[in-house]
Amino acid sequence: KERIHQESFLKLSCRDGAMRGILEQIPHGQRGGHPSLHPGGRWVVSDTLPDADGRRLLFLVALDSREFIPLATFTHDPATANSPFRCDLHPRWDRTGRAVCIDSLHEGFRGLYRIDVPEHLVG
């Protein structure tokens, strides 16, 4: 139970309740945000909560190898972090599993963005 409260991703089997670590610690001391499982079950896309400068990292984790792959960094005004105008990335896969959609304020307004994932990763 202690591991659940730390910054790690765990895979829980619905069949037997077995739990295994996927990503034991989010790199660079950042806190994990909102994981989403790839439609094919091979990847997890997630984001981090903002750091002191308002940067949020979007990243992939391979379920089989536990490889961590940074995709992009988005910077929001740090003043919005705890305000009613807060906007987490909330990454989610599109239906094809070839792109990730996010919400973001990095251009100064709330927008929905589609980010193509490199073909060699999801193809």
Protein backbone atom coordinates (compact mmCIF):
# COMPACT_ATOMS: atom_id res chain seq x y z
CA LYS A 1 0.00 0.00 0.00
CA GLU A 2 2.87 2.39 0.67
CA ARG A 3 3.95 2.25 -2.99
CA ILE A 4 0.55 3.48 -4.16
CA HIS A 5 1.07 6.76 -2.32
CA GLN A 6 4.48 7.36 -3.87
CA GLU A 7 5.00 8.67 -7.38
CA SER A 8 4.82 5.42 -9.35
CA PHE A 9 2.60 3.72 -11.91
CA LEU A 10 1.32 0.27 -11.03
CA LYS A 11 -0.47 -2.35 -13.09
CA LEU A 12 -3.17 -4.21 -11.18
CA SER A 13 -4.52 -7.51 -12.50
CA CYS A 14 -8.30 -7.77 -12.28
CA ARG A 15 -7.97 -11.55 -12.48
CA ASP A 16 -5.79 -12.26 -9.46
CA GLY A 17 -5.12 -8.88 -7.82
CA ALA A 18 -1.40 -9.06 -8.59
CA MET A 19 0.31 -5.68 -8.70
CA ARG A 20 3.52 -4.87 -10.57
CA GLY A 21 5.40 -1.64 -11.02
CA ILE A 22 5.41 -0.07 -14.47
CA LEU A 23 7.31 3.11 -13.68
CA GLU A 24 8.73 3.09 -10.19
CA GLN A 25 9.49 6.78 -10.10
CA ILE A 26 8.61 9.66 -12.40
CA PRO A 27 11.99 11.03 -13.62
CA HIS A 28 13.32 14.42 -12.57
CA GLY A 29 11.42 14.37 -9.29
CA GLN A 30 8.19 15.52 -10.95
CA ARG A 31 4.79 14.41 -9.78
CA GLY A 32 2.63 12.30 -12.07
CA GLY A 33 -0.67 13.53 -13.33
CA HIS A 34 -3.21 11.78 -15.54
CA PRO A 35 -2.26 8.42 -17.12
CA SER A 36 -4.15 7.01 -20.12
CA LEU A 37 -3.69 3.49 -21.53
CA HIS A 38 -2.98 3.11 -25.26
CA PRO A 39 -5.82 1.34 -27.16
CA GLY A 40 -3.41 -1.52 -27.96
CA GLY A 41 -2.31 -1.77 -24.33
CA ARG A 42 1.40 -1.23 -25.05
CA TRP A 43 1.86 2.33 -23.77
CA VAL A 44 0.73 4.71 -21.09
CA VAL A 45 0.70 8.43 -21.85
CA SER A 46 0.72 10.80 -18.90
CA ASP A 47 1.63 14.28 -17.80
CA THR A 48 3.22 15.83 -14.76
CA LEU A 49 1.78 18.42 -12.48
CA PRO A 50 3.32 21.87 -13.05
CA ASP A 51 6.72 22.67 -11.61
CA ALA A 52 7.48 26.07 -10.00
CA ASP A 53 7.94 27.63 -13.47
CA GLY A 54 4.62 26.29 -14.81
CA ARG A 55 6.20 23.56 -16.98
CA ARG A 56 4.25 20.32 -17.55
CA LEU A 57 5.87 17.33 -19.17
CA LEU A 58 3.96 15.00 -21.52
CA PHE A 59 5.50 11.53 -21.67
CA LEU A 60 5.07 7.88 -22.65
CA VAL A 61 5.92 4.77 -20.67
CA ALA A 62 6.24 1.38 -22.39
CA LEU A 63 4.40 -1.25 -20.37
CA ASP A 64 6.74 -4.10 -21.33
CA SER A 65 10.16 -2.43 -20.98
CA ARG A 66 9.20 0.47 -18.65
CA GLU A 67 11.01 2.82 -21.02
CA PHE A 68 10.30 6.51 -20.30
CA ILE A 69 9.97 8.74 -23.40
CA PRO A 70 9.42 12.50 -23.04
CA LEU A 71 7.14 13.81 -25.82
CA ALA A 72 6.83 17.55 -25.14
CA THR A 73 6.91 20.24 -22.47
CA PHE A 74 4.21 22.90 -22.14
CA THR A 75 4.56 26.04 -20.07
CA HIS A 76 1.58 27.79 -18.50
CA ASP A 77 1.59 30.94 -16.39
CA PRO A 78 2.45 29.69 -12.87
CA ALA A 79 -0.16 32.09 -11.46
CA THR A 80 -2.91 29.88 -12.92
CA ALA A 81 -1.69 26.71 -11.15
CA ASN A 82 -4.10 26.98 -8.22
CA SER A 83 -6.68 29.29 -9.70
CA PRO A 84 -10.09 28.67 -11.31
CA PHE A 85 -8.25 29.00 -14.67
CA ARG A 86 -6.04 25.97 -14.01
CA CYS A 87 -5.70 23.65 -17.00
CA ASP A 88 -4.08 20.24 -16.63
CA LEU A 89 -3.05 18.49 -19.84
CA HIS A 90 -5.31 15.44 -19.25
CA PRO A 91 -3.68 13.46 -22.08
CA ARG A 92 -5.79 10.85 -23.84
CA TRP A 93 -5.23 8.72 -26.92
CA ASP A 94 -7.24 9.22 -30.07
CA ARG A 95 -9.15 6.18 -31.36
CA THR A 96 -6.34 5.14 -33.69
CA GLY A 97 -3.69 5.13 -30.97
CA ARG A 98 -1.40 7.22 -33.20
CA ALA A 99 -1.98 10.58 -31.54
CA VAL A 100 -2.54 12.06 -28.11
CA CYS A 101 -4.99 14.87 -27.39
CA ILE A 102 -4.37 17.35 -24.58
CA ASP A 103 -5.90 20.48 -23.07
CA SER A 104 -3.47 23.37 -22.66
CA LEU A 105 -3.07 27.09 -21.95
CA HIS A 106 0.45 27.35 -23.42
CA GLU A 107 -0.69 29.75 -26.19
CA GLY A 108 -2.49 32.03 -23.73
CA PHE A 109 -5.96 30.49 -24.15
CA ARG A 110 -7.53 27.14 -23.32
CA GLY A 111 -7.18 24.93 -26.35
CA LEU A 112 -7.48 21.31 -27.42
CA TYR A 113 -4.36 20.02 -29.18
CA ARG A 114 -3.56 16.83 -31.10
CA ILE A 115 0.01 15.55 -30.94
CA ASP A 116 1.13 12.85 -33.35
CA VAL A 117 3.18 10.13 -31.68
CA PRO A 118 6.18 8.95 -33.73
CA GLU A 119 5.15 6.06 -35.99
CA HIS A 120 8.03 3.83 -34.89
CA LEU A 121 6.61 3.84 -31.36
CA VAL A 122 2.96 3.07 -32.05
CA GLY A 123 2.99 1.65 -35.57
